[in-house]
Protein backbone atom coordinates (compact mmCIF):
# COMPACT_ATOMS: atom_id res chain seq x y z
CA MET A 1 3.77 -21.15 3.31
CA PHE A 2 3.45 -19.94 6.93
CA PHE A 3 0.42 -17.73 6.25
CA ALA A 4 -1.16 -20.42 4.06
CA LYS A 5 -1.04 -22.79 7.04
CA LEU A 6 -2.32 -20.12 9.36
CA ARG A 7 -5.42 -19.44 7.28
CA ILE A 8 -6.42 -23.10 7.50
CA PHE A 9 -7.17 -22.58 11.17
CA ILE A 10 -8.88 -19.17 11.03
CA PRO A 11 -12.64 -19.83 10.84
CA SER A 12 -14.10 -16.90 8.93
CA THR A 13 -17.74 -17.94 8.82
CA ILE A 14 -18.19 -20.11 11.91
CA THR A 15 -19.24 -18.53 15.19
CA VAL A 16 -18.48 -20.89 18.05
CA ARG A 17 -19.29 -18.66 20.99
CA ASN A 18 -21.71 -15.82 21.55
CA VAL A 19 -19.52 -12.76 22.08
CA ALA A 20 -19.99 -9.07 21.49
CA THR A 21 -19.49 -8.32 17.82
CA VAL A 22 -19.05 -5.08 15.93
CA LYS A 23 -19.15 -4.25 12.27
CA ARG A 24 -15.84 -4.04 10.46
CA PHE A 25 -14.88 -0.36 10.61
CA TYR A 26 -11.56 -0.45 8.73
CA LYS A 27 -10.47 -1.24 5.20
CA GLN A 28 -6.99 -2.59 5.83
CA ALA A 29 -4.81 -3.95 8.63
CA THR A 30 -1.11 -3.17 8.31
CA VAL A 31 2.06 -3.68 10.35
CA LEU A 32 4.09 -0.72 11.60
CA SER A 33 7.69 -0.85 12.77
CA ASN A 34 8.55 1.13 15.88
CA GLY A 35 12.15 0.51 16.89
CA ASN A 36 12.37 -3.13 17.89
CA LYS A 37 8.60 -3.41 18.30
CA PHE A 38 5.86 -3.98 15.74
CA GLU A 39 2.38 -2.50 15.90
CA ILE A 40 -0.89 -3.02 14.03
CA ALA A 41 -2.71 -0.19 12.28
CA LEU A 42 -6.35 -0.45 11.27
CA ASP A 43 -6.30 2.07 8.44
CA HIS A 44 -4.59 4.99 10.22
CA ARG A 45 -5.50 4.07 13.79
CA LYS A 46 -3.17 2.04 16.00
CA LEU A 47 -4.70 -1.10 17.47
CA LYS A 48 -4.97 -1.06 21.27
CA THR A 49 -5.49 -3.70 23.94
CA PRO A 50 -8.65 -3.93 26.08
CA LYS A 51 -6.81 -1.91 28.75
CA GLY A 52 -5.96 0.81 26.25
CA LYS A 53 -2.29 -0.02 25.73
CA VAL A 54 -0.78 0.26 22.26
CA PHE A 55 -0.78 -3.22 20.73
CA GLU A 56 2.88 -4.11 20.11
CA VAL A 57 4.92 -7.30 19.80
CA SER A 58 8.61 -8.07 19.43
CA SER A 59 8.18 -10.58 16.61
CA GLU A 60 7.56 -9.21 13.13
CA PRO A 61 6.12 -12.51 11.82
CA LEU A 62 3.71 -12.55 14.77
CA ALA A 63 2.62 -8.99 13.96
CA PHE A 64 1.89 -10.04 10.37
CA ALA A 65 -0.02 -13.11 11.64
CA VAL A 66 -2.17 -10.85 13.83
CA ALA A 67 -2.74 -8.55 10.85
CA VAL A 68 -3.94 -11.60 8.90
CA GLU A 69 -6.53 -12.25 11.62
CA TRP A 70 -7.87 -8.71 11.28
CA GLU A 71 -7.75 -8.87 7.48
CA SER A 72 -9.70 -12.15 7.58
CA GLN A 73 -12.69 -10.56 9.28
CA LYS A 74 -15.71 -10.02 7.07
CA GLU A 75 -18.55 -7.56 7.62
CA ILE A 76 -18.73 -8.49 11.31
CA ILE A 77 -15.63 -8.75 13.49
CA ASN A 78 -15.71 -12.17 15.12
CA ARG A 79 -13.33 -11.84 18.05
CA SER A 80 -13.80 -15.48 19.07
CA SER A 81 -11.79 -16.49 15.99
CA MET A 82 -8.88 -14.12 16.69
CA HIS A 83 -6.81 -16.29 18.99
CA LEU A 84 -3.41 -14.70 18.29
CA THR A 85 -4.83 -11.25 18.96
CA SER A 86 -6.33 -12.53 22.20
CA LEU A 87 -3.04 -14.11 23.29
CA CYS A 88 -1.12 -10.90 22.59
CA ASN A 89 -3.69 -8.88 24.53
CA THR A 90 -3.37 -11.22 27.51
CA VAL A 91 0.41 -10.87 27.52
CA LEU A 92 0.32 -7.09 27.18
CA ASP A 93 -2.45 -6.43 29.71
CA ASN A 94 -1.59 -9.33 32.05
CA PRO A 95 -4.99 -8.95 33.77
CA HIS A 96 -4.09 -11.26 36.67
CA ASN A 97 -0.58 -9.83 37.15
CA ASN A 98 0.97 -13.25 36.62
CA LYS A 99 4.69 -13.81 36.64
CA LYS A 100 6.26 -16.41 34.35
CA GLU A 101 7.00 -18.59 37.38
CA ASP A 102 3.33 -18.53 38.40
CA ILE A 103 2.14 -19.76 35.01
CA VAL A 104 4.84 -22.45 34.81
CA SER A 105 3.93 -23.69 38.29
CA GLY A 106 0.30 -24.05 37.23
CA ILE A 107 1.27 -25.93 34.07
CA VAL A 108 3.47 -28.37 35.99
CA GLN A 109 0.77 -29.04 38.56
CA TYR A 110 -1.63 -29.73 35.65
CA LEU A 111 0.47 -32.78 34.75
CA GLU A 112 -1.38 -34.72 37.43
CA THR A 113 -4.66 -34.18 35.57
CA ASP A 114 -3.29 -34.72 32.05
CA THR A 115 -5.95 -36.28 29.82
CA ILE A 116 -3.76 -39.04 28.39
CA LEU A 117 -2.55 -40.19 31.83
CA PHE A 118 -6.10 -41.23 32.76
CA GLN A 119 -7.02 -44.47 31.02
CA SER A 120 -10.09 -46.61 31.52
CA ASN A 121 -9.86 -50.40 31.75
CA ASP A 122 -13.63 -50.77 32.23
CA GLU A 123 -14.08 -51.23 28.47
CA GLU A 124 -11.43 -53.40 26.86
CA GLU A 125 -11.85 -51.88 23.39
CA LEU A 126 -11.46 -48.32 24.68
CA TYR A 127 -8.52 -49.28 26.91
CA ASN A 128 -6.69 -50.90 24.02
CA LEU A 129 -7.32 -47.81 21.91
CA GLN A 130 -5.92 -45.57 24.63
CA LYS A 131 -2.86 -47.79 25.11
CA ASN A 132 -2.13 -47.93 21.39
CA ARG A 133 -2.59 -44.19 20.77
CA TRP A 134 -1.60 -42.56 24.07
CA ASP A 135 1.18 -44.75 25.48
CA PRO A 136 3.68 -43.92 22.69
CA LEU A 137 3.31 -40.21 23.56
CA ILE A 138 3.75 -40.90 27.27
CA GLN A 139 6.91 -42.85 26.43
CA TRP A 140 8.14 -40.02 24.19
CA PHE A 141 7.63 -37.60 27.07
CA CYS A 142 9.62 -39.80 29.47
CA ASP A 143 12.44 -40.32 26.96
CA ARG A 144 12.59 -36.69 25.86
CA PHE A 145 12.89 -35.29 29.37
CA GLN A 146 14.49 -38.31 31.03
CA VAL A 147 11.72 -38.59 33.62
CA ASP A 148 9.39 -41.24 34.98
CA ILE A 149 5.64 -40.82 34.91
CA ILE A 150 3.06 -43.51 35.53
CA LYS A 151 -0.45 -43.37 34.09
CA THR A 152 -3.50 -44.40 36.10
CA CYS A 153 -6.43 -46.68 35.35
CA SER A 154 -8.42 -45.65 38.42
CA ILE A 155 -9.74 -42.49 40.05
CA GLU A 156 -6.36 -41.98 41.70
CA ALA A 157 -4.07 -39.37 40.20
CA PRO A 158 -1.15 -40.57 38.08
CA LYS A 159 2.26 -40.66 39.75
CA VAL A 160 4.30 -37.56 38.93
CA THR A 161 7.47 -37.32 41.00
CA LEU A 162 8.99 -34.10 42.31
CA ASP A 163 12.01 -34.77 40.10
CA THR A 164 9.76 -34.91 37.05
CA LYS A 165 8.11 -31.64 38.05
CA ASP A 166 11.51 -30.01 38.54
CA VAL A 167 12.71 -31.09 35.08
CA ILE A 168 9.59 -29.79 33.33
CA THR A 169 9.71 -26.58 35.36
CA LYS A 170 13.28 -25.90 34.23
CA HIS A 171 12.38 -26.69 30.64
CA LEU A 172 9.43 -24.32 30.57
CA LEU A 173 11.32 -21.55 32.36
CA SER A 174 13.80 -21.58 29.47
CA TYR A 175 11.04 -19.98 27.35
CA ASN A 176 10.14 -16.32 27.57
CA PHE A 177 7.02 -14.87 29.20
CA GLU A 178 5.14 -14.66 25.90
CA ALA A 179 5.80 -18.25 24.85
CA ILE A 180 4.68 -19.55 28.24
CA HIS A 181 1.28 -17.98 27.60
CA GLY A 182 1.16 -20.00 24.39
CA PHE A 183 1.82 -23.22 26.31
CA LYS A 184 -0.90 -22.39 28.82
CA TYR A 185 -3.38 -21.61 26.05
CA GLY A 186 -2.63 -24.89 24.30
CA ILE A 187 -2.89 -26.92 27.50
CA ASP A 188 -6.16 -25.25 28.46
CA THR A 189 -7.45 -26.10 24.98
CA ILE A 190 -6.71 -29.84 24.86
CA LYS A 191 -6.28 -30.55 28.59
CA SER A 192 -2.89 -32.16 28.14
CA VAL A 193 0.62 -30.96 28.94
CA ILE A 194 2.15 -33.94 27.14
CA LEU A 195 0.23 -33.48 23.88
CA THR A 196 0.91 -29.74 23.85
CA LEU A 197 4.64 -30.25 24.37
CA ALA A 198 4.66 -32.91 21.65
CA ALA A 199 2.89 -30.57 19.24
CA SER A 200 5.25 -27.70 20.10
CA GLU A 201 8.22 -29.92 19.20
CA ASN A 202 6.62 -31.17 15.96
CA VAL A 203 6.37 -34.73 17.21
CA ILE A 204 2.69 -34.65 16.30
CA GLY A 205 0.66 -32.17 14.29
CA VAL A 206 -2.15 -29.96 15.55
CA GLU A 207 -4.89 -32.11 14.04
CA GLU A 208 -3.44 -35.30 15.57
CA ALA A 209 -3.02 -33.64 18.98
CA VAL A 210 -6.69 -32.60 18.96
CA GLU A 211 -7.73 -36.05 17.76
CA LEU A 212 -5.80 -37.70 20.60
CA SER A 213 -7.26 -35.32 23.17
CA ARG A 214 -10.75 -36.31 21.97
CA LEU A 215 -10.04 -40.03 21.79
CA GLU A 216 -12.63 -41.14 24.34
CA GLU A 217 -15.23 -38.76 22.94
CA GLU A 218 -14.68 -40.07 19.42
CA TYR A 219 -14.91 -43.63 20.73
CA GLN A 220 -18.29 -42.89 22.30
CA ILE A 221 -19.44 -41.15 19.13
CA SER A 222 -18.50 -44.20 17.07
CA HIS A 223 -20.84 -46.25 19.22
CA TRP A 224 -23.66 -43.80 19.85
CA GLY A 225 -23.53 -41.52 16.84
CA ARG A 226 -22.72 -37.85 16.51
CA VAL A 227 -24.53 -34.57 16.24
CA GLU A 228 -22.68 -33.65 13.05
CA TRP A 229 -22.61 -29.88 13.29
CA SER A 230 -21.92 -29.78 17.04
CA HIS A 231 -19.04 -32.24 17.14
CA GLU A 232 -17.42 -30.87 14.00
CA LEU A 233 -17.62 -27.29 15.26
CA ASN A 234 -16.00 -28.31 18.52
CA LYS A 235 -13.20 -30.15 16.72
CA TYR A 236 -12.40 -27.26 14.40
CA ASP A 237 -12.54 -24.77 17.26
CA LEU A 238 -9.98 -26.83 19.20
CA GLN A 239 -7.76 -27.09 16.13
CA SER A 240 -7.93 -23.35 15.61
CA ARG A 241 -7.02 -22.62 19.23
CA LEU A 242 -4.21 -25.14 19.44
CA ALA A 243 -2.74 -23.98 16.13
CA ALA A 244 -2.69 -20.42 17.46
CA ALA A 245 -0.96 -21.59 20.65
CA ILE A 246 1.76 -23.45 18.75
CA ILE A 247 2.29 -20.55 16.34
CA PHE A 248 2.49 -18.17 19.31
CA ILE A 249 5.11 -20.35 21.03
CA HIS A 250 7.29 -20.61 17.94
CA LEU A 251 7.10 -16.99 16.86
CA ASN A 252 7.90 -15.73 20.33
CA SER A 253 10.71 -18.25 20.74
CA ASN A 254 12.34 -17.27 17.45
CA SER A 255 11.67 -13.53 17.29
CA LYS A 256 14.49 -11.48 15.88
CA THR A 257 15.05 -7.79 15.92
CA SER A 258 17.46 -5.90 13.75
CA GLN A 259 19.60 -3.01 14.85
CA PRO A 260 21.18 -0.55 12.41
CA LYS A 261 24.86 -1.14 11.86
CA LEU A 262 27.26 1.46 13.15
CA ASP A 263 29.75 2.89 10.70
CA GLU A 264 33.45 2.48 11.45
CA SER A 265 33.95 6.05 12.76
CA ARG A 266 31.06 5.63 15.19
CA LYS A 267 32.49 2.32 16.42
CA MET A 268 35.80 4.07 17.19
CA GLU A 269 33.99 6.73 19.23
CA LEU A 270 32.36 4.03 21.32
């Protein structure tokens, strides 16, 4: 069931961005166990990060999900569709030497630019749409974290108190370093802390979160028409990225490792 859902969001034939591509050079991607870590082998060669580190994760399901990304590649390896691989590489290489606290601080500050906190009352139809679709999620956020946050209908930033920032900071810091990267990736994708948190807690699904993040765009499209291939590609790309972020959060939050049991005589020695 998990991998069936995952494949829905792995575009195998759509290229969204122009990136360097190489021909597929391996027949099979497999998962290797190495103590409490899991690695990926492309045939008999271990996968490595851009910085040359051995690609390894603590979550076995995540390792299998990454292997699915590599198995899903056709004749040409399309790295722009391999979001879980990219997330793992970012965590392992940490190119900007970020600490968990640094990333969380950036996420919390982003609340003041959250897409759904900026509503437009210039057009009554659009404003009513935003109120009907966005306000319930804002209220969920306030109820869930017992905070107050006030949206804006002007160019001024919404009101986010220091207490609210402290609560969300503590919540995010309860996650590990890997999961925090998933939150950042999701928020960067749909430009909303609130929608990403709601999706991570299964309050809304990935498709609905993307739809809500694109509410104003879809409203304009309904009035002015769409460039079918362009808008659809963008929507599916966002869904693919957000799905990877949510999967990454969950698999890193629920990773389990197994240790061999000690026999009774060994226990006595210890």
